[in-house]
């Protein structure tokens, strides 16, 4: 659903020669942003918390090269996960130093704002489950009930390869599954966008 929305935003950006910035849910990890970028195929830069503090000027330069460089297309779409550092301030675009840098760099005569921000968190969270989601959730629930009836406690259910397994709470309590920067998913995102690393 996020990819569908991003593709619509890409059409809007292209039709008006604008810069679209989309912030998707993430709670401090970049999985949603990375998978959205790969499913969409229409992203010019992806920003995730795992990269650490980013150099905003590098992002601006990248967008300039991608949208207005040797073969200019005249627009760009940036995808950001929540909790990217430094704080992007996309909740209040009028006060965002990140947005202001883009506005100044890509200012157009007679255009009040060339940059627009979309934060579809609640819209995406409310999307109905598809068939795959429903089957997966049912499998997790059935396995949890079977294990509980067998006398096991203090565990959660997860999928490992093709099997459902019990994970003791003590093994995953307080942890987040970060997106590895040297992993396949992030390498595919970098290849898709052609972006450099943005850390400050």
Protein backbone atom coordinates (compact mmCIF):
# COMPACT_ATOMS: atom_id res chain seq x y z
CA UNK A 1 0.00 0.00 0.00
CA UNK A 2 2.88 2.36 0.76
CA UNK A 3 4.37 1.64 -2.66
CA UNK A 4 1.04 2.44 -4.33
CA UNK A 5 0.86 5.73 -2.46
CA UNK A 6 4.49 6.60 -3.30
CA UNK A 7 3.83 5.97 -6.98
CA UNK A 8 0.88 8.37 -6.86
CA UNK A 9 3.11 10.97 -5.20
CA UNK A 10 5.70 10.39 -7.89
CA UNK A 11 3.05 11.24 -10.53
CA UNK A 12 2.18 14.42 -8.63
CA UNK A 13 5.85 15.43 -8.37
CA UNK A 14 6.45 14.78 -12.07
CA UNK A 15 3.37 16.69 -13.23
CA UNK A 16 4.44 19.84 -11.36
CA UNK A 17 8.24 19.53 -11.36
CA UNK A 18 8.31 19.28 -7.57
CA UNK A 19 10.17 17.47 -4.81
CA UNK A 20 8.02 15.00 -2.86
CA UNK A 21 9.14 13.85 0.58
CA UNK A 22 7.33 10.86 2.09
CA UNK A 23 7.83 9.71 5.69
CA UNK A 24 6.69 6.17 6.44
CA UNK A 25 6.39 4.36 9.75
CA UNK A 26 9.48 2.75 11.16
CA UNK A 27 9.82 3.29 14.92
CA UNK A 28 13.53 3.82 14.48
CA UNK A 29 14.21 1.09 11.90
CA UNK A 30 14.27 1.22 8.11
CA UNK A 31 12.48 -1.96 7.01
CA UNK A 32 9.27 -0.26 5.86
CA UNK A 33 11.11 2.47 3.95
CA UNK A 34 13.46 -0.02 2.26
CA UNK A 35 10.70 -2.43 1.21
CA UNK A 36 8.52 0.46 0.02
CA UNK A 37 11.36 1.75 -2.15
CA UNK A 38 11.94 -1.68 -3.70
CA UNK A 39 8.23 -2.29 -4.31
CA UNK A 40 7.79 1.16 -5.83
CA UNK A 41 10.92 1.47 -7.94
CA UNK A 42 10.26 5.22 -8.18
CA UNK A 43 12.43 6.60 -5.36
CA UNK A 44 15.42 8.91 -5.75
CA UNK A 45 16.76 8.70 -2.18
CA UNK A 46 15.93 6.63 0.90
CA UNK A 47 16.82 7.79 4.42
CA UNK A 48 16.86 5.31 7.29
CA UNK A 49 17.91 5.58 10.97
CA UNK A 50 20.47 2.77 10.65
CA UNK A 51 22.75 5.07 8.67
CA UNK A 52 23.22 7.24 11.74
CA UNK A 53 23.21 11.05 11.51
CA UNK A 54 22.92 12.05 7.86
CA UNK A 55 24.52 14.96 6.03
CA UNK A 56 21.52 16.89 4.71
CA UNK A 57 23.66 18.74 2.17
CA UNK A 58 24.68 15.38 0.65
CA UNK A 59 20.99 14.50 0.26
CA UNK A 60 20.30 17.86 -1.42
CA UNK A 61 23.23 17.36 -3.80
CA UNK A 62 22.05 13.84 -4.63
CA UNK A 63 18.55 15.02 -5.45
CA UNK A 64 19.93 17.87 -7.55
CA UNK A 65 22.08 15.43 -9.55
CA UNK A 66 19.23 12.94 -9.95
CA UNK A 67 16.53 15.47 -10.88
CA UNK A 68 18.43 18.31 -12.52
CA UNK A 69 21.78 16.84 -13.58
CA UNK A 70 23.02 15.66 -16.97
CA UNK A 71 19.70 14.07 -17.98
CA UNK A 72 17.24 16.16 -15.94
CA UNK A 73 13.83 14.76 -15.20
CA UNK A 74 12.78 17.83 -13.22
CA UNK A 75 11.33 16.17 -10.11
CA UNK A 76 12.30 13.80 -7.29
CA UNK A 77 10.79 11.65 -4.55
CA UNK A 78 12.58 11.14 -1.22
CA UNK A 79 11.48 8.39 1.14
CA UNK A 80 12.33 8.72 4.84
CA UNK A 81 11.77 6.44 7.78
CA UNK A 82 10.74 7.80 11.16
CA UNK A 83 13.49 8.88 13.58
CA UNK A 84 16.13 9.69 10.98
CA UNK A 85 18.84 11.86 12.55
CA UNK A 86 19.12 14.77 12.66
CA UNK A 87 15.39 15.18 13.19
CA UNK A 88 13.83 16.08 9.82
CA UNK A 89 10.82 17.81 11.38
CA UNK A 90 8.43 16.60 8.68
CA UNK A 91 5.48 16.86 11.07
CA UNK A 92 5.74 20.64 10.66
CA UNK A 93 7.17 21.19 7.16
CA UNK A 94 7.01 24.99 7.51
CA UNK A 95 9.50 24.79 10.39
CA UNK A 96 11.68 21.99 8.98
CA UNK A 97 15.30 22.90 8.27
CA UNK A 98 15.41 19.85 5.97
CA UNK A 99 12.48 21.10 3.86
CA UNK A 100 13.83 24.66 3.92
CA UNK A 101 17.15 23.53 2.37
CA UNK A 102 15.28 21.95 -0.52
CA UNK A 103 13.01 24.97 -0.93
CA UNK A 104 16.02 27.29 -1.19
CA UNK A 105 17.98 25.02 -3.54
CA UNK A 106 15.12 24.31 -5.93
CA UNK A 107 13.20 27.57 -5.78
CA UNK A 108 11.05 28.32 -8.83
CA UNK A 109 9.76 31.70 -9.91
CA UNK A 110 6.04 32.19 -9.28
CA UNK A 111 5.82 28.92 -7.31
CA UNK A 112 5.09 29.35 -3.62
CA UNK A 113 6.47 25.95 -2.61
CA UNK A 114 8.28 23.42 -4.73
CA UNK A 115 8.53 20.85 -1.95
CA UNK A 116 5.62 18.90 -0.52
CA UNK A 117 5.57 16.46 2.39
CA UNK A 118 3.32 13.45 2.92
CA UNK A 119 3.19 11.44 6.18
CA UNK A 120 0.70 8.59 5.60
CA UNK A 121 1.30 6.74 8.89
CA UNK A 122 -2.30 6.30 10.03
CA UNK A 123 -3.54 5.72 6.50
CA UNK A 124 -1.09 2.84 6.06
CA UNK A 125 -1.69 1.42 9.52
CA UNK A 126 -5.42 1.14 8.79
CA UNK A 127 -5.09 -0.79 5.52
CA UNK A 128 -7.03 -4.08 5.69
CA UNK A 129 -4.96 -7.25 5.91
CA UNK A 130 -4.50 -9.09 2.63
CA UNK A 131 -4.79 -12.87 2.24
CA UNK A 132 -1.10 -13.48 2.96
CA UNK A 133 -1.31 -11.42 6.17
CA UNK A 134 -4.40 -13.32 7.32
CA UNK A 135 -2.88 -16.75 6.71
CA UNK A 136 0.36 -15.79 8.47
CA UNK A 137 -1.44 -14.37 11.51
CA UNK A 138 -3.64 -17.47 11.75
CA UNK A 139 -0.55 -19.71 11.64
CA UNK A 140 1.14 -17.70 14.40
CA UNK A 141 -1.98 -17.78 16.56
CA UNK A 142 -2.59 -21.51 16.09
CA UNK A 143 1.02 -22.32 16.95
CA UNK A 144 0.93 -20.09 20.05
CA UNK A 145 -2.23 -21.81 21.32
CA UNK A 146 -0.83 -25.31 20.62
CA UNK A 147 2.41 -24.50 22.48
CA UNK A 148 0.53 -22.97 25.42
CA UNK A 149 -1.72 -26.05 25.66
CA UNK A 150 1.45 -28.18 25.70
CA UNK A 151 2.55 -26.28 28.82
CA UNK A 152 5.06 -23.81 27.41
CA UNK A 153 5.10 -20.23 28.70
CA UNK A 154 7.23 -17.11 28.35
CA UNK A 155 7.66 -17.30 24.58
CA UNK A 156 6.62 -15.66 21.33
CA UNK A 157 6.12 -17.31 17.96
CA UNK A 158 8.25 -16.43 14.95
CA UNK A 159 9.00 -17.85 11.54
CA UNK A 160 12.44 -19.27 10.91
CA UNK A 161 12.94 -20.31 7.28
CA UNK A 162 9.76 -22.38 6.65
CA UNK A 163 9.08 -23.36 10.25
CA UNK A 164 7.25 -21.65 13.11
CA UNK A 165 9.38 -21.63 16.25
CA UNK A 166 9.12 -20.57 19.89
CA UNK A 167 11.40 -17.68 20.94
CA UNK A 168 11.84 -17.15 24.71
CA UNK A 169 10.93 -13.61 25.77
CA UNK A 170 14.36 -13.19 27.37
CA UNK A 171 15.99 -13.61 23.94
CA UNK A 172 14.16 -10.72 22.26
CA UNK A 173 12.89 -8.44 25.04
CA UNK A 174 14.02 -4.85 24.51
CA UNK A 175 15.59 -5.53 21.10
CA UNK A 176 14.85 -4.11 17.67
CA UNK A 177 15.50 -5.88 14.39
CA UNK A 178 17.57 -3.27 12.61
CA UNK A 179 18.06 -3.26 8.85
CA UNK A 180 21.68 -4.33 8.25
CA UNK A 181 23.52 -1.87 6.01
CA UNK A 182 25.62 -4.70 4.59
CA UNK A 183 22.58 -6.90 3.96
CA UNK A 184 20.83 -7.76 0.69
CA UNK A 185 17.81 -5.47 1.15
CA UNK A 186 19.78 -2.27 1.72
CA UNK A 187 22.24 -3.13 -1.07
CA UNK A 188 19.27 -3.53 -3.42
CA UNK A 189 17.91 -0.14 -2.33
CA UNK A 190 21.30 1.51 -2.94
CA UNK A 191 21.47 -0.12 -6.37
CA UNK A 192 17.91 0.94 -7.24
CA UNK A 193 18.36 4.59 -6.26
CA UNK A 194 22.04 4.86 -7.12
CA UNK A 195 22.42 6.94 -3.97
CA UNK A 196 25.71 7.31 -2.10
CA UNK A 197 25.98 6.87 1.66
CA UNK A 198 24.61 9.93 3.47
CA UNK A 199 26.18 9.73 6.96
CA UNK A 200 27.57 13.04 8.26
